[in-house]
């Protein structure tokens, strides 16, 4: 499994920052608005890098540490960018028993990334999930909306080549 972190430079635009600042101004006076602001920020940028968290901290007066704590506590938020093709490998019980762990490792090795990471070209991101509800097709992975089931390890390269 890949253990190296990929660094993708932050590529936020002035338009995205303006949209984020407008969302902060709209929501910051509402009690308990931090999660709503983080959701809007993630909608705007696709993830919550430190640069975005800093803008939110400055705009709301909430300490950066608290923003980071909320962003890392809830699974809906991502600190890393997502690739054009989001690969999710099920590691739920049925899939795991049928070899999904080895399958996940093979994908990770081929792409050179680990869970929650994105390839340097921004093409693929990888995550492990616990169940996608297709246990009868175990082991299962998804690439965006495409579902692949009853997989063998030798199919990894063929699937990735499609994208």
N, C-alpha and C. Protein backbone atom coordinates (compact mmCIF):
# COMPACT_ATOMS: atom_id res chain seq x y z
N UNK A 1 0.84 -1.17 0.00
CA UNK A 1 0.00 0.00 0.00
C UNK A 1 0.89 1.23 0.00
N UNK A 2 0.50 2.25 -0.73
CA UNK A 2 1.29 3.47 -0.84
C UNK A 2 1.27 4.22 0.50
N UNK A 3 2.43 4.71 0.88
CA UNK A 3 2.52 5.48 2.11
C UNK A 3 2.97 6.91 1.87
N UNK A 4 3.27 7.25 0.63
CA UNK A 4 3.72 8.60 0.36
C UNK A 4 2.52 9.53 0.17
N UNK A 5 2.66 10.73 0.68
CA UNK A 5 1.63 11.73 0.52
C UNK A 5 1.89 12.50 -0.76
N UNK A 6 0.83 12.78 -1.49
CA UNK A 6 0.98 13.58 -2.69
C UNK A 6 0.63 15.02 -2.35
N UNK A 7 1.41 15.93 -2.85
CA UNK A 7 1.14 17.33 -2.64
C UNK A 7 0.62 17.94 -3.92
N UNK A 8 -0.63 18.34 -3.88
CA UNK A 8 -1.23 19.02 -5.01
C UNK A 8 -1.39 20.46 -4.58
N UNK A 9 -0.77 21.39 -5.32
CA UNK A 9 -0.85 22.79 -4.91
C UNK A 9 -2.29 23.30 -4.92
N UNK A 10 -2.58 24.17 -3.96
CA UNK A 10 -3.90 24.78 -3.88
C UNK A 10 -4.10 25.66 -5.11
N UNK A 11 -5.22 25.47 -5.78
CA UNK A 11 -5.49 26.21 -7.01
C UNK A 11 -6.76 27.03 -6.95
N UNK A 12 -7.07 27.57 -5.79
CA UNK A 12 -8.29 28.36 -5.65
C UNK A 12 -8.24 29.63 -6.49
N UNK A 13 -9.41 30.03 -6.99
CA UNK A 13 -9.51 31.23 -7.82
C UNK A 13 -10.08 32.39 -7.02
N UNK A 14 -9.95 33.58 -7.57
CA UNK A 14 -10.52 34.77 -6.93
C UNK A 14 -12.04 34.66 -6.85
N UNK A 15 -12.65 34.05 -7.85
CA UNK A 15 -14.11 33.87 -7.86
C UNK A 15 -14.54 32.93 -6.74
N UNK A 16 -13.78 31.86 -6.53
CA UNK A 16 -14.10 30.94 -5.44
C UNK A 16 -13.97 31.63 -4.10
N UNK A 17 -12.90 32.39 -3.93
CA UNK A 17 -12.71 33.09 -2.66
C UNK A 17 -13.83 34.09 -2.41
N UNK A 18 -14.25 34.81 -3.45
CA UNK A 18 -15.35 35.77 -3.31
C UNK A 18 -16.63 35.04 -2.90
N UNK A 19 -16.89 33.89 -3.51
CA UNK A 19 -18.09 33.11 -3.17
C UNK A 19 -18.02 32.62 -1.73
N UNK A 20 -16.85 32.20 -1.28
CA UNK A 20 -16.69 31.75 0.09
C UNK A 20 -16.89 32.91 1.06
N UNK A 21 -16.28 34.04 0.78
CA UNK A 21 -16.45 35.20 1.68
C UNK A 21 -17.90 35.65 1.75
N UNK A 22 -18.62 35.58 0.63
CA UNK A 22 -20.05 35.92 0.62
C UNK A 22 -20.83 34.93 1.49
N UNK A 23 -20.50 33.65 1.41
CA UNK A 23 -21.18 32.64 2.23
C UNK A 23 -20.90 32.87 3.70
N UNK A 24 -19.65 33.21 4.03
CA UNK A 24 -19.29 33.49 5.42
C UNK A 24 -20.09 34.68 5.93
N UNK A 25 -20.12 35.76 5.14
CA UNK A 25 -20.87 36.96 5.55
C UNK A 25 -22.35 36.66 5.75
N UNK A 26 -22.90 35.80 4.89
CA UNK A 26 -24.32 35.45 4.98
C UNK A 26 -24.63 34.62 6.22
N UNK A 27 -23.72 33.72 6.59
CA UNK A 27 -24.02 32.73 7.62
C UNK A 27 -23.38 32.97 8.98
N UNK A 28 -22.34 33.79 9.07
CA UNK A 28 -21.52 33.83 10.29
C UNK A 28 -22.27 34.30 11.53
N UNK A 29 -23.32 35.05 11.39
CA UNK A 29 -24.05 35.55 12.57
C UNK A 29 -25.06 34.54 13.11
N UNK A 30 -25.32 33.47 12.35
CA UNK A 30 -26.26 32.45 12.81
C UNK A 30 -25.55 31.54 13.81
N UNK A 31 -26.23 31.23 14.89
CA UNK A 31 -25.65 30.34 15.90
C UNK A 31 -25.40 28.96 15.29
N UNK A 32 -24.24 28.40 15.55
CA UNK A 32 -23.90 27.07 15.06
C UNK A 32 -23.72 26.98 13.55
N UNK A 33 -23.25 28.06 12.94
CA UNK A 33 -23.17 28.11 11.48
C UNK A 33 -21.88 27.51 10.90
N UNK A 34 -20.95 27.10 11.73
CA UNK A 34 -19.66 26.65 11.22
C UNK A 34 -19.80 25.47 10.25
N UNK A 35 -20.63 24.50 10.59
CA UNK A 35 -20.79 23.34 9.70
C UNK A 35 -21.40 23.78 8.37
N UNK A 36 -22.36 24.65 8.40
CA UNK A 36 -22.97 25.15 7.16
C UNK A 36 -21.93 25.89 6.31
N UNK A 37 -21.06 26.66 6.94
CA UNK A 37 -20.01 27.37 6.22
C UNK A 37 -19.01 26.38 5.62
N UNK A 38 -18.63 25.36 6.40
CA UNK A 38 -17.72 24.35 5.87
C UNK A 38 -18.35 23.59 4.69
N UNK A 39 -19.65 23.32 4.78
CA UNK A 39 -20.33 22.65 3.67
C UNK A 39 -20.31 23.51 2.41
N UNK A 40 -20.58 24.79 2.58
CA UNK A 40 -20.53 25.70 1.42
C UNK A 40 -19.13 25.77 0.86
N UNK A 41 -18.13 25.85 1.74
CA UNK A 41 -16.74 25.92 1.28
C UNK A 41 -16.38 24.68 0.49
N UNK A 42 -16.79 23.52 0.99
CA UNK A 42 -16.48 22.29 0.27
C UNK A 42 -17.23 22.23 -1.06
N UNK A 43 -18.45 22.77 -1.11
CA UNK A 43 -19.18 22.84 -2.39
C UNK A 43 -18.43 23.72 -3.38
N UNK A 44 -17.84 24.79 -2.90
CA UNK A 44 -17.14 25.75 -3.76
C UNK A 44 -15.81 25.18 -4.24
N UNK A 45 -15.02 24.60 -3.33
CA UNK A 45 -13.66 24.16 -3.66
C UNK A 45 -13.54 22.65 -3.92
N UNK A 46 -14.49 21.88 -3.42
CA UNK A 46 -14.42 20.43 -3.56
C UNK A 46 -13.73 19.76 -2.39
N UNK A 47 -13.06 20.52 -1.57
CA UNK A 47 -12.38 20.02 -0.37
C UNK A 47 -12.02 21.21 0.50
N UNK A 48 -11.40 20.96 1.67
CA UNK A 48 -11.13 22.02 2.65
C UNK A 48 -9.64 22.09 2.98
N UNK A 49 -8.83 22.61 2.07
CA UNK A 49 -7.40 22.75 2.36
C UNK A 49 -7.17 23.83 3.43
N UNK A 50 -5.97 23.88 3.95
CA UNK A 50 -5.64 24.84 5.01
C UNK A 50 -5.91 26.28 4.58
N UNK A 51 -5.71 26.58 3.31
CA UNK A 51 -5.95 27.94 2.82
C UNK A 51 -7.42 28.33 2.99
N UNK A 52 -8.32 27.40 2.71
CA UNK A 52 -9.76 27.65 2.85
C UNK A 52 -10.13 27.74 4.33
N UNK A 53 -9.57 26.85 5.14
CA UNK A 53 -9.84 26.90 6.58
C UNK A 53 -9.38 28.23 7.17
N UNK A 54 -8.26 28.75 6.68
CA UNK A 54 -7.74 30.03 7.17
C UNK A 54 -8.69 31.17 6.81
N UNK A 55 -9.22 31.18 5.60
CA UNK A 55 -10.19 32.20 5.19
C UNK A 55 -11.42 32.14 6.10
N UNK A 56 -11.87 30.93 6.40
CA UNK A 56 -13.04 30.77 7.27
C UNK A 56 -12.73 31.27 8.68
N UNK A 57 -11.54 30.95 9.19
CA UNK A 57 -11.15 31.41 10.53
C UNK A 57 -11.12 32.93 10.59
N UNK A 58 -10.52 33.55 9.57
CA UNK A 58 -10.44 35.01 9.54
C UNK A 58 -11.82 35.64 9.41
N UNK A 59 -12.69 35.03 8.61
CA UNK A 59 -14.01 35.60 8.37
C UNK A 59 -15.00 35.40 9.49
N UNK A 60 -14.80 34.36 10.29
CA UNK A 60 -15.76 34.07 11.35
C UNK A 60 -15.25 34.40 12.74
N UNK A 61 -13.94 34.51 12.89
CA UNK A 61 -13.36 34.69 14.22
C UNK A 61 -13.23 33.39 14.99
N UNK A 62 -13.57 32.28 14.36
CA UNK A 62 -13.43 30.96 15.00
C UNK A 62 -11.96 30.55 14.85
N UNK A 63 -11.33 30.07 15.92
CA UNK A 63 -9.92 29.67 15.82
C UNK A 63 -9.72 28.57 14.77
N UNK A 64 -8.62 28.66 14.06
CA UNK A 64 -8.28 27.69 13.03
C UNK A 64 -8.28 26.27 13.59
N UNK A 65 -7.82 26.09 14.82
CA UNK A 65 -7.78 24.77 15.43
C UNK A 65 -9.17 24.17 15.56
N UNK A 66 -10.15 25.01 15.88
CA UNK A 66 -11.53 24.53 16.01
C UNK A 66 -12.10 24.15 14.64
N UNK A 67 -11.79 24.95 13.65
CA UNK A 67 -12.25 24.66 12.29
C UNK A 67 -11.65 23.33 11.82
N UNK A 68 -10.37 23.15 12.05
CA UNK A 68 -9.70 21.90 11.68
C UNK A 68 -10.33 20.72 12.43
N UNK A 69 -10.61 20.91 13.69
CA UNK A 69 -11.22 19.85 14.50
C UNK A 69 -12.57 19.42 13.95
N UNK A 70 -13.40 20.37 13.57
CA UNK A 70 -14.71 20.05 13.00
C UNK A 70 -14.55 19.39 11.63
N UNK A 71 -13.64 19.93 10.81
CA UNK A 71 -13.44 19.40 9.46
C UNK A 71 -12.91 17.97 9.48
N UNK A 72 -12.13 17.62 10.49
CA UNK A 72 -11.58 16.26 10.56
C UNK A 72 -12.49 15.31 11.33
N UNK A 73 -13.41 15.83 12.11
CA UNK A 73 -14.32 14.98 12.88
C UNK A 73 -15.41 14.38 12.00
N UNK A 74 -15.97 15.17 11.10
CA UNK A 74 -17.09 14.71 10.29
C UNK A 74 -16.60 14.11 8.97
N UNK A 75 -17.09 12.90 8.67
CA UNK A 75 -16.66 12.18 7.48
C UNK A 75 -17.07 12.86 6.18
N UNK A 76 -18.06 13.74 6.23
CA UNK A 76 -18.51 14.42 5.01
C UNK A 76 -17.49 15.42 4.47
N UNK A 77 -16.53 15.81 5.30
CA UNK A 77 -15.54 16.79 4.89
C UNK A 77 -14.24 16.12 4.48
N UNK A 78 -13.58 16.70 3.49
CA UNK A 78 -12.31 16.17 3.01
C UNK A 78 -11.26 17.27 3.02
N UNK A 79 -10.08 16.95 3.54
CA UNK A 79 -8.98 17.90 3.53
C UNK A 79 -8.13 17.75 2.27
N UNK A 80 -8.41 16.73 1.49
CA UNK A 80 -7.66 16.46 0.27
C UNK A 80 -8.56 16.59 -0.95
N UNK A 81 -7.99 17.01 -2.06
CA UNK A 81 -8.80 17.12 -3.27
C UNK A 81 -9.25 15.75 -3.76
N UNK A 82 -10.36 15.73 -4.45
CA UNK A 82 -10.85 14.50 -5.07
C UNK A 82 -10.45 14.53 -6.53
N UNK A 83 -10.15 13.36 -7.07
CA UNK A 83 -9.76 13.25 -8.46
C UNK A 83 -10.96 13.35 -9.39
N UNK A 84 -10.65 13.50 -10.66
CA UNK A 84 -11.69 13.48 -11.68
C UNK A 84 -12.46 12.17 -11.59
N UNK A 85 -11.73 11.08 -11.30
CA UNK A 85 -12.32 9.77 -11.12
C UNK A 85 -12.13 9.34 -9.68
N UNK A 86 -13.24 9.27 -8.94
CA UNK A 86 -13.22 8.94 -7.53
C UNK A 86 -13.43 7.44 -7.37
N UNK A 87 -12.38 6.75 -6.93
CA UNK A 87 -12.44 5.30 -6.75
C UNK A 87 -12.74 5.03 -5.28
N UNK A 88 -13.78 4.24 -5.06
CA UNK A 88 -14.14 3.84 -3.71
C UNK A 88 -14.16 2.32 -3.66
N UNK A 89 -13.33 1.75 -2.81
CA UNK A 89 -13.21 0.30 -2.69
C UNK A 89 -13.88 -0.14 -1.40
N UNK A 90 -14.86 -1.01 -1.53
CA UNK A 90 -15.59 -1.48 -0.35
C UNK A 90 -14.73 -2.44 0.45
N UNK A 91 -14.60 -2.16 1.74
CA UNK A 91 -13.89 -3.04 2.65
C UNK A 91 -14.83 -3.56 3.74
N UNK A 92 -16.13 -3.55 3.44
CA UNK A 92 -17.11 -4.13 4.35
C UNK A 92 -16.88 -5.63 4.48
N UNK A 93 -17.56 -6.25 5.40
CA UNK A 93 -17.30 -7.66 5.73
C UNK A 93 -17.38 -8.58 4.51
N UNK A 94 -18.46 -8.53 3.75
CA UNK A 94 -18.61 -9.45 2.61
C UNK A 94 -17.50 -9.23 1.59
N UNK A 95 -17.18 -7.99 1.29
CA UNK A 95 -16.13 -7.70 0.32
C UNK A 95 -14.76 -8.09 0.86
N UNK A 96 -14.52 -7.78 2.14
CA UNK A 96 -13.23 -8.08 2.73
C UNK A 96 -12.95 -9.58 2.73
N UNK A 97 -13.96 -10.37 3.09
CA UNK A 97 -13.81 -11.82 3.13
C UNK A 97 -13.47 -12.37 1.74
N UNK A 98 -13.94 -11.69 0.70
CA UNK A 98 -13.68 -12.14 -0.67
C UNK A 98 -12.45 -11.48 -1.27
N UNK A 99 -11.58 -10.89 -0.45
CA UNK A 99 -10.29 -10.41 -0.92
C UNK A 99 -10.20 -8.94 -1.25
N UNK A 100 -11.15 -8.13 -0.80
CA UNK A 100 -11.14 -6.70 -1.13
C UNK A 100 -9.91 -5.98 -0.57
N UNK A 101 -9.37 -6.44 0.54
CA UNK A 101 -8.18 -5.80 1.10
C UNK A 101 -7.00 -5.89 0.15
N UNK A 102 -6.80 -7.06 -0.42
CA UNK A 102 -5.72 -7.23 -1.40
C UNK A 102 -6.00 -6.43 -2.67
N UNK A 103 -7.27 -6.40 -3.04
CA UNK A 103 -7.69 -5.66 -4.23
C UNK A 103 -7.41 -4.16 -4.03
N UNK A 104 -7.77 -3.65 -2.85
CA UNK A 104 -7.52 -2.25 -2.50
C UNK A 104 -6.01 -1.96 -2.55
N UNK A 105 -5.20 -2.84 -1.98
CA UNK A 105 -3.74 -2.66 -1.99
C UNK A 105 -3.20 -2.59 -3.41
N UNK A 106 -3.74 -3.41 -4.29
CA UNK A 106 -3.30 -3.43 -5.69
C UNK A 106 -3.62 -2.09 -6.37
N UNK A 107 -4.80 -1.56 -6.14
CA UNK A 107 -5.17 -0.25 -6.72
C UNK A 107 -4.25 0.83 -6.16
N UNK A 108 -4.05 0.79 -4.85
CA UNK A 108 -3.18 1.77 -4.19
C UNK A 108 -1.78 1.73 -4.78
N UNK A 109 -1.24 0.53 -4.97
CA UNK A 109 0.10 0.39 -5.54
C UNK A 109 0.16 0.89 -6.98
N UNK A 110 -0.85 0.54 -7.78
CA UNK A 110 -0.84 0.97 -9.19
C UNK A 110 -0.92 2.48 -9.33
N UNK A 111 -1.72 3.11 -8.46
CA UNK A 111 -1.88 4.57 -8.55
C UNK A 111 -0.82 5.32 -7.75
N UNK A 112 -0.18 4.65 -6.80
CA UNK A 112 0.83 5.29 -5.97
C UNK A 112 0.25 6.23 -4.93
N UNK A 113 -0.99 5.96 -4.52
CA UNK A 113 -1.65 6.79 -3.51
C UNK A 113 -2.33 5.90 -2.48
N UNK A 114 -2.62 6.48 -1.33
CA UNK A 114 -3.35 5.78 -0.28
C UNK A 114 -4.74 6.35 -0.13
N UNK A 115 -5.44 5.88 0.88
CA UNK A 115 -6.81 6.31 1.11
C UNK A 115 -6.89 7.81 1.38
N UNK A 116 -7.83 8.46 0.72
CA UNK A 116 -8.02 9.90 0.88
C UNK A 116 -7.07 10.74 0.07
N UNK A 117 -6.23 10.11 -0.74
CA UNK A 117 -5.26 10.85 -1.53
C UNK A 117 -5.69 10.93 -2.99
N UNK A 118 -5.01 11.81 -3.70
CA UNK A 118 -5.28 12.07 -5.12
C UNK A 118 -3.97 11.98 -5.88
N UNK A 119 -4.02 11.43 -7.09
CA UNK A 119 -2.81 11.37 -7.91
C UNK A 119 -2.36 12.79 -8.25
N UNK A 120 -1.06 13.01 -8.44
CA UNK A 120 -0.56 14.37 -8.70
C UNK A 120 -1.20 15.04 -9.91
N UNK A 121 -1.65 14.27 -10.89
CA UNK A 121 -2.30 14.86 -12.07
C UNK A 121 -3.78 15.17 -11.84
N UNK A 122 -4.29 14.84 -10.64
CA UNK A 122 -5.68 15.12 -10.32
C UNK A 122 -6.68 14.18 -10.98
N UNK A 123 -6.19 13.12 -11.58
CA UNK A 123 -7.07 12.22 -12.33
C UNK A 123 -7.83 11.24 -11.42
N UNK A 124 -7.13 10.63 -10.45
CA UNK A 124 -7.75 9.62 -9.59
C UNK A 124 -7.61 10.00 -8.12
N UNK A 125 -8.64 9.68 -7.37
CA UNK A 125 -8.54 9.70 -5.91
C UNK A 125 -9.05 8.35 -5.42
N UNK A 126 -8.60 7.97 -4.24
CA UNK A 126 -8.91 6.64 -3.71
C UNK A 126 -9.40 6.76 -2.29
N UNK A 127 -10.45 5.99 -2.00
CA UNK A 127 -10.90 5.90 -0.62
C UNK A 127 -11.43 4.49 -0.36
N UNK A 128 -11.34 4.10 0.88
CA UNK A 128 -11.92 2.84 1.32
C UNK A 128 -13.25 3.17 1.97
N UNK A 129 -14.25 2.37 1.69
CA UNK A 129 -15.54 2.57 2.35
C UNK A 129 -15.93 1.28 3.05
N UNK A 130 -16.89 1.34 3.92
CA UNK A 130 -17.25 0.18 4.72
C UNK A 130 -18.34 -0.67 4.09
N UNK A 131 -19.24 -0.13 3.33
CA UNK A 131 -20.26 -0.93 2.65
C UNK A 131 -20.98 -0.04 1.65
N UNK A 132 -21.14 -0.55 0.44
CA UNK A 132 -21.91 0.21 -0.55
C UNK A 132 -23.25 -0.45 -0.83
N UNK A 133 -23.54 -1.54 -0.12
CA UNK A 133 -24.83 -2.19 -0.24
C UNK A 133 -24.96 -3.13 -1.43
N UNK A 134 -23.85 -3.60 -1.93
CA UNK A 134 -23.87 -4.55 -3.06
C UNK A 134 -23.13 -5.82 -2.65
N UNK A 135 -23.45 -6.33 -1.48
CA UNK A 135 -22.72 -7.46 -0.91
C UNK A 135 -22.76 -8.70 -1.79
N UNK A 136 -23.83 -8.88 -2.54
CA UNK A 136 -23.94 -10.03 -3.43
C UNK A 136 -22.96 -9.99 -4.59
N UNK A 137 -22.35 -8.81 -4.82
CA UNK A 137 -21.38 -8.65 -5.91
C UNK A 137 -19.95 -8.59 -5.39
N UNK A 138 -19.73 -8.91 -4.14
CA UNK A 138 -18.43 -8.77 -3.50
C UNK A 138 -17.33 -9.53 -4.24
N UNK A 139 -16.13 -8.96 -4.29
CA UNK A 139 -15.74 -7.61 -3.87
C UNK A 139 -16.16 -6.56 -4.89
N UNK A 140 -16.44 -5.36 -4.38
CA UNK A 140 -17.01 -4.29 -5.20
C UNK A 140 -16.18 -3.02 -5.07
N UNK A 141 -16.09 -2.29 -6.19
CA UNK A 141 -15.54 -0.94 -6.16
C UNK A 141 -16.37 -0.07 -7.09
N UNK A 142 -16.32 1.22 -6.84
CA UNK A 142 -16.98 2.17 -7.73
C UNK A 142 -15.95 3.15 -8.25
N UNK A 143 -16.17 3.59 -9.47
CA UNK A 143 -15.42 4.69 -10.06
C UNK A 143 -16.49 5.70 -10.46
N UNK A 144 -16.54 6.79 -9.72
CA UNK A 144 -17.65 7.74 -9.82
C UNK A 144 -18.95 6.96 -9.66
N UNK A 145 -19.80 6.91 -10.69
CA UNK A 145 -21.08 6.21 -10.59
C UNK A 145 -21.03 4.78 -11.14
N UNK A 146 -19.90 4.38 -11.71
CA UNK A 146 -19.78 3.04 -12.28
C UNK A 146 -19.46 2.03 -11.17
N UNK A 147 -20.19 0.91 -11.15
CA UNK A 147 -20.01 -0.12 -10.14
C UNK A 147 -19.37 -1.35 -10.79
N UNK A 148 -18.32 -1.87 -10.15
CA UNK A 148 -17.64 -3.08 -10.62
C UNK A 148 -17.71 -4.11 -9.51
N UNK A 149 -18.25 -5.29 -9.81
CA UNK A 149 -18.40 -6.32 -8.81
C UNK A 149 -17.82 -7.65 -9.25
N UNK A 150 -17.74 -8.57 -8.27
CA UNK A 150 -17.17 -9.91 -8.48
C UNK A 150 -15.80 -9.81 -9.15
N UNK A 151 -14.97 -8.99 -8.58
CA UNK A 151 -13.69 -8.64 -9.18
C UNK A 151 -12.56 -9.58 -8.81
N UNK A 152 -11.61 -9.65 -9.70
CA UNK A 152 -10.35 -10.36 -9.45
C UNK A 152 -9.23 -9.32 -9.55
N UNK A 153 -8.12 -9.55 -8.84
CA UNK A 153 -7.03 -8.58 -8.81
C UNK A 153 -6.48 -8.26 -10.19
N UNK A 154 -6.51 -9.24 -11.09
CA UNK A 154 -5.95 -8.99 -12.42
C UNK A 154 -6.81 -8.04 -13.26
N UNK A 155 -7.97 -7.63 -12.74
CA UNK A 155 -8.84 -6.70 -13.46
C UNK A 155 -8.52 -5.23 -13.15
N UNK A 156 -7.69 -4.97 -12.16
CA UNK A 156 -7.41 -3.60 -11.75
C UNK A 156 -6.89 -2.77 -12.91
N UNK A 157 -5.86 -3.24 -13.59
CA UNK A 157 -5.27 -2.46 -14.70
C UNK A 157 -6.29 -2.18 -15.79
N UNK A 158 -7.09 -3.16 -16.13
CA UNK A 158 -8.10 -2.99 -17.18
C UNK A 158 -9.12 -1.92 -16.79
N UNK A 159 -9.55 -1.94 -15.54
CA UNK A 159 -10.52 -0.95 -15.08
C UNK A 159 -9.91 0.45 -15.11
N UNK A 160 -8.69 0.59 -14.60
CA UNK A 160 -8.05 1.91 -14.57
C UNK A 160 -7.80 2.44 -15.97
N UNK A 161 -7.46 1.56 -16.92
CA UNK A 161 -7.20 1.98 -18.30
C UNK A 161 -8.44 2.59 -18.95
N UNK A 162 -9.63 2.18 -18.53
CA UNK A 162 -10.87 2.74 -19.08
C UNK A 162 -10.96 4.25 -18.83
N UNK A 163 -10.30 4.70 -17.78
CA UNK A 163 -10.42 6.09 -17.37
C UNK A 163 -9.16 6.87 -17.67
